[in-house]
């Protein structure tokens, strides 16, 4: 599997960490943006995993 695939996973993980920070700070607008960003990153991980026939973490 190409190494760029793991970069996709790292992007998703960074989005999750950013969302946790926004929620901890209590920023509703930032948290909502974080949820949207995380959902988009997760969709990319799912598509990549499907196209390679693997379950990515």
PDB file of N, CA and C in Angstrom:
ATOM      1  N   UNK A   1       0.842  -1.164   0.000  1.00  0.00           N
ATOM      2  CA  UNK A   1       0.000   0.000   0.000  1.00  0.00           C
ATOM      3  C   UNK A   1       0.898   1.242   0.000  1.00  0.00           C
ATOM      4  N   UNK A   2       0.550   2.241  -0.784  1.00  0.00           N
ATOM      5  CA  UNK A   2       1.377   3.451  -0.864  1.00  0.00           C
ATOM      6  C   UNK A   2       1.448   4.186   0.480  1.00  0.00           C
ATOM      7  N   UNK A   3       2.553   4.874   0.695  1.00  0.00           N
ATOM      8  CA  UNK A   3       2.724   5.592   1.961  1.00  0.00           C
ATOM      9  C   UNK A   3       1.758   6.765   2.098  1.00  0.00           C
ATOM     10  N   UNK A   4       1.276   7.310   0.993  1.00  0.00           N
ATOM     11  CA  UNK A   4       0.354   8.438   1.089  1.00  0.00           C
ATOM     12  C   UNK A   4      -0.940   8.031   1.770  1.00  0.00           C
ATOM     13  N   UNK A   5      -1.262   6.741   1.739  1.00  0.00           N
ATOM     14  CA  UNK A   5      -2.483   6.275   2.398  1.00  0.00           C
ATOM     15  C   UNK A   5      -2.400   6.563   3.899  1.00  0.00           C
ATOM     16  N   UNK A   6      -1.228   6.360   4.479  1.00  0.00           N
ATOM     17  CA  UNK A   6      -1.075   6.613   5.913  1.00  0.00           C
ATOM     18  C   UNK A   6      -1.139   8.101   6.221  1.00  0.00           C
ATOM     19  N   UNK A   7      -0.814   8.928   5.253  1.00  0.00           N
ATOM     20  CA  UNK A   7      -0.960  10.373   5.439  1.00  0.00           C
ATOM     21  C   UNK A   7      -2.441  10.741   5.553  1.00  0.00           C
ATOM     22  N   UNK A   8      -3.285  10.031   4.815  1.00  0.00           N
ATOM     23  CA  UNK A   8      -4.731  10.242   4.895  1.00  0.00           C
ATOM     24  C   UNK A   8      -5.212   9.922   6.309  1.00  0.00           C
ATOM     25  N   UNK A   9      -4.713   8.819   6.861  1.00  0.00           N
ATOM     26  CA  UNK A   9      -5.088   8.429   8.216  1.00  0.00           C
ATOM     27  C   UNK A   9      -4.594   9.472   9.228  1.00  0.00           C
ATOM     28  N   UNK A  10      -3.378   9.965   9.040  1.00  0.00           N
ATOM     29  CA  UNK A  10      -2.844  10.979   9.948  1.00  0.00           C
ATOM     30  C   UNK A  10      -3.664  12.267   9.885  1.00  0.00           C
ATOM     31  N   UNK A  11      -4.116  12.637   8.696  1.00  0.00           N
ATOM     32  CA  UNK A  11      -4.963  13.828   8.559  1.00  0.00           C
ATOM     33  C   UNK A  11      -6.254  13.658   9.350  1.00  0.00           C
ATOM     34  N   UNK A  12      -6.840  12.469   9.284  1.00  0.00           N
ATOM     35  CA  UNK A  12      -8.059  12.189  10.048  1.00  0.00           C
ATOM     36  C   UNK A  12      -7.774  12.279  11.544  1.00  0.00           C
ATOM     37  N   UNK A  13      -6.639  11.733  11.973  1.00  0.00           N
ATOM     38  CA  UNK A  13      -6.291  11.765  13.394  1.00  0.00           C
ATOM     39  C   UNK A  13      -6.066  13.199  13.874  1.00  0.00           C
ATOM     40  N   UNK A  14      -5.453  14.024  13.032  1.00  0.00           N
ATOM     41  CA  UNK A  14      -5.257  15.432  13.390  1.00  0.00           C
ATOM     42  C   UNK A  14      -6.593  16.162  13.492  1.00  0.00           C
ATOM     43  N   UNK A  15      -7.520  15.817  12.616  1.00  0.00           N
ATOM     44  CA  UNK A  15      -8.848  16.428  12.675  1.00  0.00           C
ATOM     45  C   UNK A  15      -9.545  16.054  13.979  1.00  0.00           C
ATOM     46  N   UNK A  16      -9.399  14.810  14.398  1.00  0.00           N
ATOM     47  CA  UNK A  16     -10.012  14.364  15.650  1.00  0.00           C
ATOM     48  C   UNK A  16      -9.405  15.100  16.843  1.00  0.00           C
ATOM     49  N   UNK A  17      -8.094  15.270  16.842  1.00  0.00           N
ATOM     50  CA  UNK A  17      -7.425  15.981  17.934  1.00  0.00           C
ATOM     51  C   UNK A  17      -7.861  17.450  17.967  1.00  0.00           C
ATOM     52  N   UNK A  18      -7.982  18.049  16.805  1.00  0.00           N
ATOM     53  CA  UNK A  18      -8.414  19.441  16.726  1.00  0.00           C
ATOM     54  C   UNK A  18      -9.831  19.597  17.262  1.00  0.00           C
ATOM     55  N   UNK A  19     -10.694  18.650  16.951  1.00  0.00           N
ATOM     56  CA  UNK A  19     -12.068  18.688  17.451  1.00  0.00           C
ATOM     57  C   UNK A  19     -12.081  18.578  18.971  1.00  0.00           C
ATOM     58  N   UNK A  20     -11.286  17.688  19.532  1.00  0.00           N
ATOM     59  CA  UNK A  20     -11.229  17.532  20.989  1.00  0.00           C
ATOM     60  C   UNK A  20     -10.781  18.836  21.652  1.00  0.00           C
ATOM     61  N   UNK A  21      -9.807  19.499  21.055  1.00  0.00           N
ATOM     62  CA  UNK A  21      -9.330  20.765  21.612  1.00  0.00           C
ATOM     63  C   UNK A  21     -10.409  21.838  21.554  1.00  0.00           C
ATOM     64  N   UNK A  22     -11.135  21.888  20.456  1.00  0.00           N
ATOM     65  CA  UNK A  22     -12.192  22.891  20.306  1.00  0.00           C
ATOM     66  C   UNK A  22     -13.309  22.656  21.319  1.00  0.00           C
ATOM     67  N   UNK A  23     -13.664  21.418  21.522  1.00  0.00           N
ATOM     68  CA  UNK A  23     -14.703  21.086  22.497  1.00  0.00           C
ATOM     69  C   UNK A  23     -14.225  21.449  23.905  1.00  0.00           C
ATOM     70  N   UNK A  24     -12.964  21.132  24.214  1.00  0.00           N
ATOM     71  CA  UNK A  24     -12.416  21.441  25.532  1.00  0.00           C
ATOM     72  C   UNK A  24     -12.397  22.947  25.804  1.00  0.00           C
ATOM     73  N   UNK A  25     -12.154  23.744  24.772  1.00  0.00           N
ATOM     74  CA  UNK A  25     -12.138  25.201  24.927  1.00  0.00           C
ATOM     75  C   UNK A  25     -13.547  25.777  25.001  1.00  0.00           C
ATOM     76  N   UNK A  26     -14.526  24.984  24.598  1.00  0.00           N
ATOM     77  CA  UNK A  26     -15.909  25.451  24.647  1.00  0.00           C
ATOM     78  C   UNK A  26     -16.322  26.301  23.469  1.00  0.00           C
ATOM     79  N   UNK A  27     -15.542  26.285  22.409  1.00  0.00           N
ATOM     80  CA  UNK A  27     -15.876  27.069  21.227  1.00  0.00           C
ATOM     81  C   UNK A  27     -16.871  26.327  20.348  1.00  0.00           C
ATOM     82  N   UNK A  28     -18.125  26.706  20.416  1.00  0.00           N
ATOM     83  CA  UNK A  28     -19.182  26.010  19.672  1.00  0.00           C
ATOM     84  C   UNK A  28     -18.952  26.061  18.168  1.00  0.00           C
ATOM     85  N   UNK A  29     -18.589  27.229  17.662  1.00  0.00           N
ATOM     86  CA  UNK A  29     -18.378  27.372  16.219  1.00  0.00           C
ATOM     87  C   UNK A  29     -17.179  26.548  15.766  1.00  0.00           C
ATOM     88  N   UNK A  30     -16.097  26.599  16.527  1.00  0.00           N
ATOM     89  CA  UNK A  30     -14.903  25.822  16.191  1.00  0.00           C
ATOM     90  C   UNK A  30     -15.185  24.327  16.294  1.00  0.00           C
ATOM     91  N   UNK A  31     -15.972  23.936  17.288  1.00  0.00           N
ATOM     92  CA  UNK A  31     -16.315  22.520  17.447  1.00  0.00           C
ATOM     93  C   UNK A  31     -17.154  22.035  16.265  1.00  0.00           C
ATOM     94  N   UNK A  32     -18.090  22.856  15.816  1.00  0.00           N
ATOM     95  CA  UNK A  32     -18.916  22.466  14.666  1.00  0.00           C
ATOM     96  C   UNK A  32     -18.058  22.326  13.414  1.00  0.00           C
ATOM     97  N   UNK A  33     -17.149  23.278  13.196  1.00  0.00           N
ATOM     98  CA  UNK A  33     -16.237  23.179  12.064  1.00  0.00           C
ATOM     99  C   UNK A  33     -15.397  21.907  12.189  1.00  0.00           C
ATOM    100  N   UNK A  34     -14.922  21.610  13.402  1.00  0.00           N
ATOM    101  CA  UNK A  34     -14.124  20.409  13.643  1.00  0.00           C
ATOM    102  C   UNK A  34     -14.888  19.137  13.322  1.00  0.00           C
ATOM    103  N   UNK A  35     -16.165  19.106  13.683  1.00  0.00           N
ATOM    104  CA  UNK A  35     -16.987  17.921  13.378  1.00  0.00           C
ATOM    105  C   UNK A  35     -17.126  17.721  11.867  1.00  0.00           C
ATOM    106  N   UNK A  36     -17.336  18.807  11.158  1.00  0.00           N
ATOM    107  CA  UNK A  36     -17.465  18.732   9.701  1.00  0.00           C
ATOM    108  C   UNK A  36     -16.147  18.278   9.084  1.00  0.00           C
ATOM    109  N   UNK A  37     -15.046  18.866   9.537  1.00  0.00           N
ATOM    110  CA  UNK A  37     -13.726  18.519   9.014  1.00  0.00           C
ATOM    111  C   UNK A  37     -13.407  17.053   9.298  1.00  0.00           C
ATOM    112  N   UNK A  38     -13.714  16.602  10.508  1.00  0.00           N
ATOM    113  CA  UNK A  38     -13.464  15.203  10.867  1.00  0.00           C
ATOM    114  C   UNK A  38     -14.311  14.271  10.002  1.00  0.00           C
ATOM    115  N   UNK A  39     -15.559  14.607   9.785  1.00  0.00           N
ATOM    116  CA  UNK A  39     -16.424  13.769   8.951  1.00  0.00           C
ATOM    117  C   UNK A  39     -15.893  13.671   7.526  1.00  0.00           C
ATOM    118  N   UNK A  40     -15.396  14.791   6.997  1.00  0.00           N
ATOM    119  CA  UNK A  40     -14.822  14.773   5.649  1.00  0.00           C
ATOM    120  C   UNK A  40     -13.558  13.908   5.599  1.00  0.00           C
ATOM    121  N   UNK A  41     -12.701  14.055   6.597  1.00  0.00           N
ATOM    122  CA  UNK A  41     -11.456  13.245   6.644  1.00  0.00           C
ATOM    123  C   UNK A  41     -11.791  11.765   6.800  1.00  0.00           C
ATOM    124  N   UNK A  42     -12.803  11.432   7.611  1.00  0.00           N
ATOM    125  CA  UNK A  42     -13.187  10.037   7.791  1.00  0.00           C
ATOM    126  C   UNK A  42     -13.740   9.471   6.489  1.00  0.00           C
ATOM    127  N   UNK A  43     -14.482  10.266   5.742  1.00  0.00           N
ATOM    128  CA  UNK A  43     -15.019   9.806   4.459  1.00  0.00           C
ATOM    129  C   UNK A  43     -13.882   9.477   3.490  1.00  0.00           C
ATOM    130  N   UNK A  44     -12.833  10.301   3.501  1.00  0.00           N
ATOM    131  CA  UNK A  44     -11.676  10.023   2.645  1.00  0.00           C
ATOM    132  C   UNK A  44     -11.005   8.718   3.066  1.00  0.00           C
ATOM    133  N   UNK A  45     -10.818   8.522   4.377  1.00  0.00           N
ATOM    134  CA  UNK A  45     -10.211   7.277   4.875  1.00  0.00           C
ATOM    135  C   UNK A  45     -11.050   6.083   4.434  1.00  0.00           C
ATOM    136  N   UNK A  46     -12.368   6.196   4.550  1.00  0.00           N
ATOM    137  CA  UNK A  46     -13.246   5.098   4.153  1.00  0.00           C
ATOM    138  C   UNK A  46     -13.133   4.791   2.660  1.00  0.00           C
ATOM    139  N   UNK A  47     -13.108   5.841   1.831  1.00  0.00           N
ATOM    140  CA  UNK A  47     -12.991   5.631   0.383  1.00  0.00           C
ATOM    141  C   UNK A  47     -11.669   4.989   0.015  1.00  0.00           C
ATOM    142  N   UNK A  48     -10.586   5.456   0.633  1.00  0.00           N
ATOM    143  CA  UNK A  48      -9.270   4.889   0.343  1.00  0.00           C
ATOM    144  C   UNK A  48      -9.218   3.430   0.781  1.00  0.00           C
ATOM    145  N   UNK A  49      -9.733   3.151   1.968  1.00  0.00           N
ATOM    146  CA  UNK A  49      -9.758   1.774   2.449  1.00  0.00           C
ATOM    147  C   UNK A  49     -10.560   0.862   1.542  1.00  0.00           C
ATOM    148  N   UNK A  50     -11.680   1.362   1.055  1.00  0.00           N
ATOM    149  CA  UNK A  50     -12.519   0.575   0.145  1.00  0.00           C
ATOM    150  C   UNK A  50     -11.808   0.325  -1.179  1.00  0.00           C
ATOM    151  N   UNK A  51     -11.153   1.341  -1.712  1.00  0.00           N
ATOM    152  CA  UNK A  51     -10.500   1.180  -3.007  1.00  0.00           C
ATOM    153  C   UNK A  51      -9.303   0.217  -2.927  1.00  0.00           C
ATOM    154  N   UNK A  52      -8.671   0.137  -1.745  1.00  0.00           N
ATOM    155  CA  UNK A  52      -7.554  -0.796  -1.575  1.00  0.00           C
ATOM    156  C   UNK A  52      -7.982  -2.115  -0.941  1.00  0.00           C
ATOM    157  N   UNK A  53      -9.251  -2.196  -0.557  1.00  0.00           N
ATOM    158  CA  UNK A  53      -9.774  -3.420   0.038  1.00  0.00           C
ATOM    159  C   UNK A  53      -9.186  -3.728   1.398  1.00  0.00           C
ATOM    160  N   UNK A  54      -8.927  -2.684   2.179  1.00  0.00           N
ATOM    161  CA  UNK A  54      -8.379  -2.879   3.532  1.00  0.00           C
ATOM    162  C   UNK A  54      -9.176  -2.045   4.532  1.00  0.00           C
ATOM    163  N   UNK A  55      -9.124  -2.465   5.777  1.00  0.00           N
ATOM    164  CA  UNK A  55      -9.724  -1.690   6.853  1.00  0.00           C
ATOM    165  C   UNK A  55      -8.636  -0.846   7.480  1.00  0.00           C
ATOM    166  N   UNK A  56      -8.713   0.449   7.288  1.00  0.00           N
ATOM    167  CA  UNK A  56      -7.735   1.357   7.866  1.00  0.00           C
ATOM    168  C   UNK A  56      -8.150   1.709   9.292  1.00  0.00           C
ATOM    169  N   UNK A  57      -7.184   1.959  10.143  1.00  0.00           N
ATOM    170  CA  UNK A  57      -7.524   2.281  11.544  1.00  0.00           C
ATOM    171  C   UNK A  57      -8.262   3.604  11.658  1.00  0.00           C
TER     172      UNK A  57
END
